[in-house]
Amino acid sequence: MRLVVVQDRSRLFREGLARLLCATGRIHAIALRDEGEVLATCAGSGADAALVELAGEATALARLVAELQCAGVRVVGSSPAARRRPALGPTIPVVDRRSSADEVLAIFDPDAAARLVPATRLPAASTAAGELTARERQVLALIGTGATSAEIGARLGISAKTVEGRRQSIYAKLGVQNQAGALSVALRSGALGGERSSGAR
């Protein structure tokens, strides 16, 4: 399964696109608000592609795009139609926020629309919780104790940025938007199991 990082300041756009990409069954997406998190998240998660909002200072944006491309990450831009996009080269496709779902999906996977899972067939909470990796269950258990990302990172021997990447992956897999939703799904499905007590020590 391919991994795509979606960065945009518009919560509705980034989370909606992340859910749409995940619904194909072939793409897993992580939604981020700030472009400063993109490079670290892509490096920490091994992302195949990143959608980056074409806003902010042009030189910093061009540097981010160059660093992502050097890391082997395919870059796609997002922009409102009215905004003039920076010149980042002809090889970078741009998603207009007003584009249809099929147009957006075609940029990441030309056959995605045919594989789009209908909303009625999205996995149940227990199935989605079962897709969490052992590390994601550890992170989720520690989130349940109220630990911060820095505290979780210190406990597991990983960086706080990596914890944030895991947190976003957990949210996407569980189909939730925040830690309260993630904990609710995990508790209902029994996904925390023994990890909850071990994380509380």
C-alpha atoms as a PDB file:
ATOM      1  CA  MET A   1       0.000   0.000   0.000  1.00  0.00           C
ATOM      2  CA  ARG A   2       1.335   3.419  -0.928  1.00  0.00           C
ATOM      3  CA  LEU A   3       1.600   6.217   1.617  1.00  0.00           C
ATOM      4  CA  VAL A   4       0.671   9.828   0.801  1.00  0.00           C
ATOM      5  CA  VAL A   5       1.187  12.815   3.098  1.00  0.00           C
ATOM      6  CA  VAL A   6      -1.460  15.535   2.595  1.00  0.00           C
ATOM      7  CA  GLN A   7      -0.520  19.017   3.865  1.00  0.00           C
ATOM      8  CA  ASP A   8      -2.907  21.922   3.652  1.00  0.00           C
ATOM      9  CA  ARG A   9      -4.043  24.595   6.111  1.00  0.00           C
ATOM     10  CA  SER A  10      -7.659  23.894   5.212  1.00  0.00           C
ATOM     11  CA  ARG A  11      -8.725  21.129   7.593  1.00  0.00           C
ATOM     12  CA  LEU A  12     -11.727  20.233   5.464  1.00  0.00           C
ATOM     13  CA  PHE A  13      -9.599  19.847   2.335  1.00  0.00           C
ATOM     14  CA  ARG A  14      -6.706  17.907   3.889  1.00  0.00           C
ATOM     15  CA  GLU A  15      -8.829  15.527   5.963  1.00  0.00           C
ATOM     16  CA  GLY A  16     -11.380  15.049   3.191  1.00  0.00           C
ATOM     17  CA  LEU A  17      -8.658  14.246   0.676  1.00  0.00           C
ATOM     18  CA  ALA A  18      -6.903  11.902   3.116  1.00  0.00           C
ATOM     19  CA  ARG A  19     -10.155   9.980   3.657  1.00  0.00           C
ATOM     20  CA  LEU A  20     -10.819   9.874  -0.073  1.00  0.00           C
ATOM     21  CA  LEU A  21      -7.352   8.461  -0.764  1.00  0.00           C
ATOM     22  CA  CYS A  22      -7.699   5.871   2.021  1.00  0.00           C
ATOM     23  CA  ALA A  23     -11.077   4.797   0.632  1.00  0.00           C
ATOM     24  CA  THR A  24      -9.378   3.469  -2.531  1.00  0.00           C
ATOM     25  CA  GLY A  25      -7.978   0.594  -0.508  1.00  0.00           C
ATOM     26  CA  ARG A  26      -4.563   1.065  -2.146  1.00  0.00           C
ATOM     27  CA  ILE A  27      -3.411   4.330  -0.592  1.00  0.00           C
ATOM     28  CA  HIS A  28      -2.884   5.254   3.052  1.00  0.00           C
ATOM     29  CA  ALA A  29      -2.846   9.007   3.754  1.00  0.00           C
ATOM     30  CA  ILE A  30      -1.603  11.136   6.640  1.00  0.00           C
ATOM     31  CA  ALA A  31      -3.095  14.658   6.972  1.00  0.00           C
ATOM     32  CA  LEU A  32      -0.904  17.510   8.250  1.00  0.00           C
ATOM     33  CA  ARG A  33      -1.618  21.208   8.762  1.00  0.00           C
ATOM     34  CA  ASP A  34       1.879  22.728   8.625  1.00  0.00           C
ATOM     35  CA  GLU A  35       4.403  22.407   5.817  1.00  0.00           C
ATOM     36  CA  GLY A  36       7.199  22.315   8.416  1.00  0.00           C
ATOM     37  CA  GLU A  37       6.065  18.797   9.385  1.00  0.00           C
ATOM     38  CA  VAL A  38       6.027  17.415   5.837  1.00  0.00           C
ATOM     39  CA  LEU A  39       9.698  16.564   5.341  1.00  0.00           C
ATOM     40  CA  ALA A  40      10.120  14.907   8.755  1.00  0.00           C
ATOM     41  CA  THR A  41       6.879  12.953   8.353  1.00  0.00           C
ATOM     42  CA  CYS A  42       7.788  11.801   4.839  1.00  0.00           C
ATOM     43  CA  ALA A  43      11.261  10.736   5.983  1.00  0.00           C
ATOM     44  CA  GLY A  44       9.949   9.012   9.108  1.00  0.00           C
ATOM     45  CA  SER A  45       7.126   7.173   7.378  1.00  0.00           C
ATOM     46  CA  GLY A  46       8.673   6.376   3.996  1.00  0.00           C
ATOM     47  CA  ALA A  47       5.956   8.274   2.090  1.00  0.00           C
ATOM     48  CA  ASP A  48       5.679   7.759  -1.654  1.00  0.00           C
ATOM     49  CA  ALA A  49       4.026  11.117  -2.372  1.00  0.00           C
ATOM     50  CA  ALA A  50       3.253  14.409  -0.677  1.00  0.00           C
ATOM     51  CA  LEU A  51       0.605  16.977  -1.480  1.00  0.00           C
ATOM     52  CA  VAL A  52       1.904  20.397  -0.399  1.00  0.00           C
ATOM     53  CA  GLU A  53      -0.133  23.589  -0.223  1.00  0.00           C
ATOM     54  CA  LEU A  54       1.312  26.181  -2.588  1.00  0.00           C
ATOM     55  CA  ALA A  55       1.277  29.031  -0.112  1.00  0.00           C
ATOM     56  CA  GLY A  56       3.840  30.889   1.902  1.00  0.00           C
ATOM     57  CA  GLU A  57       7.263  32.132   0.910  1.00  0.00           C
ATOM     58  CA  ALA A  58       8.277  30.912  -2.567  1.00  0.00           C
ATOM     59  CA  THR A  59      11.941  30.221  -1.741  1.00  0.00           C
ATOM     60  CA  ALA A  60      11.081  28.089   1.306  1.00  0.00           C
ATOM     61  CA  LEU A  61       8.461  26.227  -0.716  1.00  0.00           C
ATOM     62  CA  ALA A  62      10.908  25.582  -3.553  1.00  0.00           C
ATOM     63  CA  ARG A  63      13.481  24.289  -1.036  1.00  0.00           C
ATOM     64  CA  LEU A  64      10.882  21.945   0.538  1.00  0.00           C
ATOM     65  CA  VAL A  65       9.877  20.608  -2.874  1.00  0.00           C
ATOM     66  CA  ALA A  66      13.536  20.042  -3.834  1.00  0.00           C
ATOM     67  CA  GLU A  67      14.264  18.204  -0.555  1.00  0.00           C
ATOM     68  CA  LEU A  68      11.202  15.993  -0.966  1.00  0.00           C
ATOM     69  CA  GLN A  69      12.137  15.161  -4.542  1.00  0.00           C
ATOM     70  CA  CYS A  70      15.726  14.355  -3.495  1.00  0.00           C
ATOM     71  CA  ALA A  71      14.247  11.954  -0.934  1.00  0.00           C
ATOM     72  CA  GLY A  72      12.335  10.207  -3.733  1.00  0.00           C
ATOM     73  CA  VAL A  73       8.939  11.615  -2.743  1.00  0.00           C
ATOM     74  CA  ARG A  74       6.589  12.558  -5.592  1.00  0.00           C
ATOM     75  CA  VAL A  75       5.333  16.109  -4.999  1.00  0.00           C
ATOM     76  CA  VAL A  76       1.866  17.398  -5.879  1.00  0.00           C
ATOM     77  CA  GLY A  77       0.759  20.969  -5.178  1.00  0.00           C
ATOM     78  CA  SER A  78      -2.624  22.177  -3.918  1.00  0.00           C
ATOM     79  CA  SER A  79      -3.978  25.632  -4.492  1.00  0.00           C
ATOM     80  CA  PRO A  80      -7.218  27.581  -4.650  1.00  0.00           C
ATOM     81  CA  ALA A  81      -7.879  28.497  -8.280  1.00  0.00           C
ATOM     82  CA  ALA A  82      -7.683  32.222  -7.528  1.00  0.00           C
ATOM     83  CA  ARG A  83      -4.210  32.020  -5.978  1.00  0.00           C
ATOM     84  CA  ARG A  84      -1.210  32.438  -8.262  1.00  0.00           C
ATOM     85  CA  ARG A  85       1.030  29.434  -7.759  1.00  0.00           C
ATOM     86  CA  PRO A  86       4.814  29.693  -7.492  1.00  0.00           C
ATOM     87  CA  ALA A  87       6.845  28.489 -10.468  1.00  0.00           C
ATOM     88  CA  LEU A  88       8.004  25.077  -9.271  1.00  0.00           C
ATOM     89  CA  GLY A  89       8.508  23.501 -12.660  1.00  0.00           C
ATOM     90  CA  PRO A  90       6.295  21.687 -15.134  1.00  0.00           C
ATOM     91  CA  THR A  91       6.767  18.284 -13.479  1.00  0.00           C
ATOM     92  CA  ILE A  92       4.684  19.169 -10.424  1.00  0.00           C
ATOM     93  CA  PRO A  93       0.959  18.565 -10.912  1.00  0.00           C
ATOM     94  CA  VAL A  94      -1.372  20.932  -9.090  1.00  0.00           C
ATOM     95  CA  VAL A  95      -4.699  20.061  -7.487  1.00  0.00           C
ATOM     96  CA  ASP A  96      -7.276  22.843  -7.601  1.00  0.00           C
ATOM     97  CA  ARG A  97      -9.340  22.663  -4.401  1.00  0.00           C
ATOM     98  CA  ARG A  98     -12.454  22.892  -6.561  1.00  0.00           C
ATOM     99  CA  SER A  99     -11.504  19.764  -8.533  1.00  0.00           C
ATOM    100  CA  SER A 100     -13.807  16.756  -8.546  1.00  0.00           C
ATOM    101  CA  ALA A 101     -12.897  13.676  -6.516  1.00  0.00           C
ATOM    102  CA  ASP A 102     -12.131  11.762  -9.728  1.00  0.00           C
ATOM    103  CA  GLU A 103      -9.715  14.475 -10.906  1.00  0.00           C
ATOM    104  CA  VAL A 104      -7.876  14.481  -7.587  1.00  0.00           C
ATOM    105  CA  LEU A 105      -7.696  10.697  -7.371  1.00  0.00           C
ATOM    106  CA  ALA A 106      -6.389  10.468 -10.935  1.00  0.00           C
ATOM    107  CA  ILE A 107      -3.290  12.438  -9.938  1.00  0.00           C
ATOM    108  CA  PHE A 108      -2.323   9.867  -7.291  1.00  0.00           C
ATOM    109  CA  ASP A 109      -3.718   6.718  -8.905  1.00  0.00           C
ATOM    110  CA  PRO A 110      -5.303   6.826 -12.393  1.00  0.00           C
ATOM    111  CA  ASP A 111      -7.424   3.735 -11.678  1.00  0.00           C
ATOM    112  CA  ALA A 112      -8.415   4.807  -8.161  1.00  0.00           C
ATOM    113  CA  ALA A 113     -11.978   5.868  -8.956  1.00  0.00           C
ATOM    114  CA  ALA A 114     -12.807   2.333 -10.053  1.00  0.00           C
ATOM    115  CA  ARG A 115     -11.439   0.953  -6.779  1.00  0.00           C
ATOM    116  CA  LEU A 116     -13.070   3.515  -4.513  1.00  0.00           C
ATOM    117  CA  VAL A 117     -14.701   1.713  -1.612  1.00  0.00           C
ATOM    118  CA  PRO A 118     -18.329   2.846  -1.175  1.00  0.00           C
ATOM    119  CA  ALA A 119     -19.004   4.521   2.172  1.00  0.00           C
ATOM    120  CA  THR A 120     -21.290   1.654   3.136  1.00  0.00           C
ATOM    121  CA  ARG A 121     -18.375  -0.747   2.842  1.00  0.00           C
ATOM    122  CA  LEU A 122     -15.797   1.170   4.888  1.00  0.00           C
ATOM    123  CA  PRO A 123     -14.294  -1.104   7.548  1.00  0.00           C
ATOM    124  CA  ALA A 124     -16.042  -1.362  10.904  1.00  0.00           C
ATOM    125  CA  ALA A 125     -14.231   0.053  13.912  1.00  0.00           C
ATOM    126  CA  SER A 126     -13.101  -3.381  15.079  1.00  0.00           C
ATOM    127  CA  THR A 127     -11.661  -4.211  11.645  1.00  0.00           C
ATOM    128  CA  ALA A 128      -9.895  -0.850  11.366  1.00  0.00           C
ATOM    129  CA  ALA A 129      -8.471  -1.188  14.879  1.00  0.00           C
ATOM    130  CA  GLY A 130      -7.168  -4.632  13.938  1.00  0.00           C
ATOM    131  CA  GLU A 131      -5.112  -3.009  11.157  1.00  0.00           C
ATOM    132  CA  LEU A 132      -2.995  -1.073  13.660  1.00  0.00           C
ATOM    133  CA  THR A 133       0.618  -2.197  13.859  1.00  0.00           C
ATOM    134  CA  ALA A 134       2.113  -3.250  17.201  1.00  0.00           C
ATOM    135  CA  ARG A 135       3.945   0.111  17.409  1.00  0.00           C
ATOM    136  CA  GLU A 136       0.731   2.028  16.654  1.00  0.00           C
ATOM    137  CA  ARG A 137      -1.041   0.118  19.444  1.00  0.00           C
ATOM    138  CA  GLN A 138       1.809   1.062  21.805  1.00  0.00           C
ATOM    139  CA  VAL A 139       1.503   4.728  20.822  1.00  0.00           C
ATOM    140  CA  LEU A 140      -2.277   4.604  21.188  1.00  0.00           C
ATOM    141  CA  ALA A 141      -1.999   3.013  24.643  1.00  0.00           C
ATOM    142  CA  LEU A 142       0.396   5.773  25.747  1.00  0.00           C
ATOM    143  CA  ILE A 143      -1.903   8.439  24.274  1.00  0.00           C
ATOM    144  CA  GLY A 144      -4.578   6.944  26.523  1.00  0.00           C
ATOM    145  CA  THR A 145      -2.418   7.648  29.572  1.00  0.00           C
ATOM    146  CA  GLY A 146      -2.351  11.356  28.676  1.00  0.00           C
ATOM    147  CA  ALA A 147       1.328  11.332  27.702  1.00  0.00           C
ATOM    148  CA  THR A 148       2.559  14.034  25.309  1.00  0.00           C
ATOM    149  CA  SER A 149       4.255  13.193  22.002  1.00  0.00           C
ATOM    150  CA  ALA A 150       7.631  14.041  23.545  1.00  0.00           C
ATOM    151  CA  GLU A 151       6.959  11.746  26.520  1.00  0.00           C
ATOM    152  CA  ILE A 152       5.775   8.941  24.246  1.00  0.00           C
ATOM    153  CA  GLY A 153       8.856   9.375  22.054  1.00  0.00           C
ATOM    154  CA  ALA A 154      11.202   9.231  25.055  1.00  0.00           C
ATOM    155  CA  ARG A 155       9.469   6.126  26.353  1.00  0.00           C
ATOM    156  CA  LEU A 156       9.612   4.300  22.997  1.00  0.00           C
ATOM    157  CA  GLY A 157      13.014   5.607  21.893  1.00  0.00           C
ATOM    158  CA  ILE A 158      11.680   7.527  18.880  1.00  0.00           C
ATOM    159  CA  SER A 159      11.375  11.228  18.081  1.00  0.00           C
ATOM    160  CA  ALA A 160       8.311  13.317  18.903  1.00  0.00           C
ATOM    161  CA  LYS A 161       7.887  13.936  15.143  1.00  0.00           C
ATOM    162  CA  THR A 162       7.755  10.182  14.547  1.00  0.00           C
ATOM    163  CA  VAL A 163       5.134   9.898  17.284  1.00  0.00           C
ATOM    164  CA  GLU A 164       3.088  12.587  15.521  1.00  0.00           C
ATOM    165  CA  GLY A 165       3.358  10.620  12.262  1.00  0.00           C
ATOM    166  CA  ARG A 166       2.175   7.461  14.044  1.00  0.00           C
ATOM    167  CA  ARG A 167      -0.643   9.436  15.664  1.00  0.00           C
ATOM    168  CA  GLN A 168      -1.874  10.649  12.253  1.00  0.00           C
ATOM    169  CA  SER A 169      -1.615   7.126  10.853  1.00  0.00           C
ATOM    170  CA  ILE A 170      -3.697   5.800  13.762  1.00  0.00           C
ATOM    171  CA  TYR A 171      -6.353   8.480  13.204  1.00  0.00           C
ATOM    172  CA  ALA A 172      -6.528   7.691   9.494  1.00  0.00           C
ATOM    173  CA  LYS A 173      -6.795   3.930  10.030  1.00  0.00           C
ATOM    174  CA  LEU A 174      -9.505   4.339  12.658  1.00  0.00           C
ATOM    175  CA  GLY A 175     -11.366   6.948  10.611  1.00  0.00           C
ATOM    176  CA  VAL A 176     -11.275   9.560  13.373  1.00  0.00           C
ATOM    177  CA  GLN A 177     -10.015  13.135  13.676  1.00  0.00           C
ATOM    178  CA  ASN A 178      -8.581  13.295  17.181  1.00  0.00           C
ATOM    179  CA  GLN A 179      -7.259  11.285  20.102  1.00  0.00           C
ATOM    180  CA  ALA A 180     -10.635  11.148  21.839  1.00  0.00           C
ATOM    181  CA  GLY A 181     -12.142   9.498  18.776  1.00  0.00           C
ATOM    182  CA  ALA A 182      -9.180   7.116  18.454  1.00  0.00           C
ATOM    183  CA  LEU A 183      -9.423   6.057  22.095  1.00  0.00           C
ATOM    184  CA  SER A 184     -13.186   5.611  21.808  1.00  0.00           C
ATOM    185  CA  VAL A 185     -12.845   3.306  18.781  1.00  0.00           C
ATOM    186  CA  ALA A 186      -9.951   1.408  20.361  1.00  0.00           C
ATOM    187  CA  LEU A 187     -11.809   0.865  23.620  1.00  0.00           C
ATOM    188  CA  ARG A 188     -15.002  -0.284  21.875  1.00  0.00           C
ATOM    189  CA  SER A 189     -13.089  -2.721  19.670  1.00  0.00           C
ATOM    190  CA  GLY A 190     -10.718  -3.983  22.360  1.00  0.00           C
ATOM    191  CA  ALA A 191      -7.690  -2.884  20.320  1.00  0.00           C
ATOM    192  CA  LEU A 192      -5.794  -1.711  23.388  1.00  0.00           C
ATOM    193  CA  GLY A 193      -6.111  -5.037  25.162  1.00  0.00           C
ATOM    194  CA  GLY A 194      -3.025  -5.618  27.300  1.00  0.00           C
ATOM    195  CA  GLU A 195      -1.243  -2.562  25.927  1.00  0.00           C
ATOM    196  CA  ARG A 196      -3.397  -0.207  27.963  1.00  0.00           C
ATOM    197  CA  SER A 197      -2.222  -1.522  31.278  1.00  0.00           C
ATOM    198  CA  SER A 198       1.391  -1.750  30.143  1.00  0.00           C
ATOM    199  CA  GLY A 199       1.261   1.837  28.868  1.00  0.00           C
ATOM    200  CA  ALA A 200      -0.073   3.103  32.160  1.00  0.00           C
ATOM    201  CA  ARG A 201       2.894   1.901  34.195  1.00  0.00           C
END
